[in-house]
Each structure stands twice: as structure tokens, then as C-alpha cells.
C-alpha atoms as a PDB file:
ATOM      1  CA  UNK A   1     -10.379 283.294  39.944  1.00  0.00           C
ATOM      2  CA  UNK A   2     -13.637 281.670  41.330  1.00  0.00           C
ATOM      3  CA  UNK A   3     -13.409 279.225  44.074  1.00  0.00           C
ATOM      4  CA  UNK A   4     -14.901 276.368  41.207  1.00  0.00           C
ATOM      5  CA  UNK A   5     -12.556 276.877  38.945  1.00  0.00           C
ATOM      6  CA  UNK A   6      -9.873 277.063  41.744  1.00  0.00           C
ATOM      7  CA  UNK A   7     -10.922 273.747  43.347  1.00  0.00           C
ATOM      8  CA  UNK A   8     -10.864 272.147  39.597  1.00  0.00           C
ATOM      9  CA  UNK A   9      -7.860 273.413  38.493  1.00  0.00           C
ATOM     10  CA  UNK A  10      -6.338 272.096  41.735  1.00  0.00           C
ATOM     11  CA  UNK A  11      -7.481 268.791  40.864  1.00  0.00           C
ATOM     12  CA  UNK A  12      -5.973 268.949  37.197  1.00  0.00           C
ATOM     13  CA  UNK A  13      -3.343 269.917  38.438  1.00  0.00           C
ATOM     14  CA  UNK A  14      -3.249 266.923  40.996  1.00  0.00           C
ATOM     15  CA  UNK A  15      -3.791 264.371  37.917  1.00  0.00           C
ATOM     16  CA  UNK A  16      -1.327 265.961  35.868  1.00  0.00           C
ATOM     17  CA  UNK A  17       1.621 265.296  38.345  1.00  0.00           C
ATOM     18  CA  UNK A  18       0.129 262.015  39.586  1.00  0.00           C
ATOM     19  CA  UNK A  19       0.745 260.958  35.712  1.00  0.00           C
ATOM     20  CA  UNK A  20       3.933 262.612  35.243  1.00  0.00           C
ATOM     21  CA  UNK A  21       5.221 260.843  38.571  1.00  0.00           C
ATOM     22  CA  UNK A  22       4.516 257.526  36.624  1.00  0.00           C
ATOM     23  CA  UNK A  23       6.398 258.195  33.106  1.00  0.00           C
ATOM     24  CA  UNK A  24       3.366 259.811  31.478  1.00  0.00           C
ATOM     25  CA  UNK A  25       4.197 262.606  28.919  1.00  0.00           C
ATOM     26  CA  UNK A  26       1.166 265.074  30.120  1.00  0.00           C
ATOM     27  CA  UNK A  27      -0.575 267.895  28.654  1.00  0.00           C
ATOM     28  CA  UNK A  28      -3.497 270.480  30.794  1.00  0.00           C
ATOM     29  CA  UNK A  29      -5.824 272.136  28.376  1.00  0.00           C
ATOM     30  CA  UNK A  30      -6.733 274.740  30.808  1.00  0.00           C
ATOM     31  CA  UNK A  31     -10.127 276.364  31.403  1.00  0.00           C
ATOM     32  CA  UNK A  32     -11.144 273.914  28.343  1.00  0.00           C
ATOM     33  CA  UNK A  33     -14.887 274.356  26.965  1.00  0.00           C
ATOM     34  CA  UNK A  34     -14.007 270.404  25.397  1.00  0.00           C
ATOM     35  CA  UNK A  35     -14.346 267.031  27.341  1.00  0.00           C
ATOM     36  CA  UNK A  36     -10.954 266.553  27.710  1.00  0.00           C
ATOM     37  CA  UNK A  37      -8.851 268.544  30.554  1.00  0.00           C
ATOM     38  CA  UNK A  38      -6.053 266.284  30.562  1.00  0.00           C
ATOM     39  CA  UNK A  39      -4.016 264.244  27.305  1.00  0.00           C
ATOM     40  CA  UNK A  40      -1.466 261.635  28.700  1.00  0.00           C
ATOM     41  CA  UNK A  41       1.022 259.374  26.659  1.00  0.00           C
ATOM     42  CA  UNK A  42       3.027 256.936  27.792  1.00  0.00           C
ATOM     43  CA  UNK A  43       6.288 255.645  26.772  1.00  0.00           C
ATOM     44  CA  UNK A  44       4.203 252.415  24.946  1.00  0.00           C
ATOM     45  CA  UNK A  45       1.831 254.723  23.184  1.00  0.00           C
ATOM     46  CA  UNK A  46      -1.235 254.604  25.767  1.00  0.00           C
ATOM     47  CA  UNK A  47      -3.218 257.307  25.425  1.00  0.00           C
ATOM     48  CA  UNK A  48      -5.536 258.415  28.203  1.00  0.00           C
ATOM     49  CA  UNK A  49      -7.960 261.548  27.659  1.00  0.00           C
ATOM     50  CA  UNK A  50      -9.089 262.831  30.813  1.00  0.00           C
ATOM     51  CA  UNK A  51     -11.868 264.651  32.220  1.00  0.00           C
ATOM     52  CA  UNK A  52     -11.402 265.689  35.956  1.00  0.00           C
ATOM     53  CA  UNK A  53     -14.343 266.925  37.919  1.00  0.00           C
ATOM     54  CA  UNK A  54     -14.174 268.250  41.728  1.00  0.00           C
ATOM     55  CA  UNK A  55     -17.068 267.201  41.909  1.00  0.00           C
ATOM     56  CA  UNK A  56     -19.794 263.981  41.478  1.00  0.00           C
ATOM     57  CA  UNK A  57     -22.494 266.877  39.605  1.00  0.00           C
ATOM     58  CA  UNK A  58     -21.718 266.791  35.981  1.00  0.00           C
ATOM     59  CA  UNK A  59     -23.717 268.122  33.617  1.00  0.00           C
ATOM     60  CA  UNK A  60     -25.609 265.928  30.929  1.00  0.00           C
ATOM     61  CA  UNK A  61     -24.066 267.609  28.373  1.00  0.00           C
ATOM     62  CA  UNK A  62     -20.269 267.132  29.448  1.00  0.00           C
ATOM     63  CA  UNK A  63     -20.830 263.839  30.331  1.00  0.00           C
ATOM     64  CA  UNK A  64     -22.850 262.483  26.302  1.00  0.00           C
ATOM     65  CA  UNK A  65     -19.529 264.687  25.032  1.00  0.00           C
ATOM     66  CA  UNK A  66     -17.323 261.712  27.221  1.00  0.00           C
ATOM     67  CA  UNK A  67     -19.278 259.055  26.375  1.00  0.00           C
ATOM     68  CA  UNK A  68     -19.591 259.838  22.224  1.00  0.00           C
ATOM     69  CA  UNK A  69     -15.735 260.161  22.709  1.00  0.00           C
ATOM     70  CA  UNK A  70     -15.789 256.813  24.538  1.00  0.00           C
ATOM     71  CA  UNK A  71     -18.084 255.021  21.676  1.00  0.00           C
ATOM     72  CA  UNK A  72     -15.501 256.527  19.287  1.00  0.00           C
ATOM     73  CA  UNK A  73     -12.344 254.731  20.625  1.00  0.00           C
ATOM     74  CA  UNK A  74     -14.339 252.117  22.531  1.00  0.00           C
ATOM     75  CA  UNK A  75     -12.620 249.389  20.299  1.00  0.00           C
ATOM     76  CA  UNK A  76      -8.932 250.792  20.180  1.00  0.00           C
ATOM     77  CA  UNK A  77      -7.479 249.382  22.892  1.00  0.00           C
ATOM     78  CA  UNK A  78      -4.448 251.833  23.506  1.00  0.00           C
ATOM     79  CA  UNK A  79      -6.771 254.870  23.647  1.00  0.00           C
ATOM     80  CA  UNK A  80      -8.479 255.116  26.952  1.00  0.00           C
ATOM     81  CA  UNK A  81     -11.183 258.051  27.858  1.00  0.00           C
ATOM     82  CA  UNK A  82     -11.442 258.424  31.712  1.00  0.00           C
ATOM     83  CA  UNK A  83     -13.606 260.690  34.059  1.00  0.00           C
ATOM     84  CA  UNK A  84     -11.730 261.144  37.227  1.00  0.00           C
ATOM     85  CA  UNK A  85     -14.331 262.506  40.188  1.00  0.00           C
ATOM     86  CA  UNK A  86     -12.703 263.489  43.499  1.00  0.00           C
ATOM     87  CA  UNK A  87     -15.797 264.635  45.975  1.00  0.00           C
ATOM     88  CA  UNK A  88     -15.650 264.544  49.626  1.00  0.00           C
ATOM     89  CA  UNK A  89     -12.259 263.073  49.896  1.00  0.00           C
ATOM     90  CA  UNK A  90     -12.795 259.780  47.749  1.00  0.00           C
ATOM     91  CA  UNK A  91     -11.611 259.633  44.347  1.00  0.00           C
ATOM     92  CA  UNK A  92     -13.430 257.433  41.902  1.00  0.00           C
ATOM     93  CA  UNK A  93     -12.150 257.049  38.466  1.00  0.00           C
ATOM     94  CA  UNK A  94     -14.608 255.572  35.310  1.00  0.00           C
ATOM     95  CA  UNK A  95     -13.196 253.780  32.194  1.00  0.00           C
ATOM     96  CA  UNK A  96     -14.402 254.197  28.512  1.00  0.00           C
ATOM     97  CA  UNK A  97     -16.598 251.096  29.222  1.00  0.00           C
ATOM     98  CA  UNK A  98     -18.253 252.064  32.706  1.00  0.00           C
ATOM     99  CA  UNK A  99     -18.793 255.843  31.222  1.00  0.00           C
ATOM    100  CA  UNK A 100     -21.195 254.351  28.480  1.00  0.00           C
ATOM    101  CA  UNK A 101     -23.271 252.827  31.358  1.00  0.00           C
ATOM    102  CA  UNK A 102     -23.628 256.041  33.065  1.00  0.00           C
END
């Protein structure tokens, strides 16, 4: 397992356990090549589609794929598309509206 994958795996698991502690059902898509690493659903049917990054340098094509999802679900209030970035001890969370402005 290379270091970048290990770091990404660590943060994906961290997000997964955080959401589980908040009562979400959570699925992780390991080593995914899709724009989504984590799918979380709460008991009211609120869905969170999350991409997790262990650094700020997101590839342009990955960001564009997230933006496409954000556009698709922009008018659906119970589905959120999120980008969680962990960088230098900070956690930054972008929601679908913010993603569209990146």
C-alpha cells in the first residue's frame, strides 16, 4: 500500500466513523475511481455523497466530476454533494453550492 493511498484510506475511515457516530448508515467505496468515496444516509432519508481528499491539490477532472454531480442534485434538498479536504491539520468541507463556485 503506497503512502498516498494509506493517507486517503485513513481519512476516508475517519469520515466514515464520524458519520456512523452521528447515526448515518455509511458505505465506503474503497479505491474508487468515481467522484464519490463515501455514501451516507440518515434516518430521515438525507443523503450525503462525499469525496474525501487528504490534500488540497484536487485534479481538475475530479473537481469537474464533483461539480457535475452538484449541478445534478442542486435543486434536490435531501441530497448533498460534498468535498471534505484534510490538509495540514485542518478540515474543510465544501457543499454542493460552494463546489459550483470553485
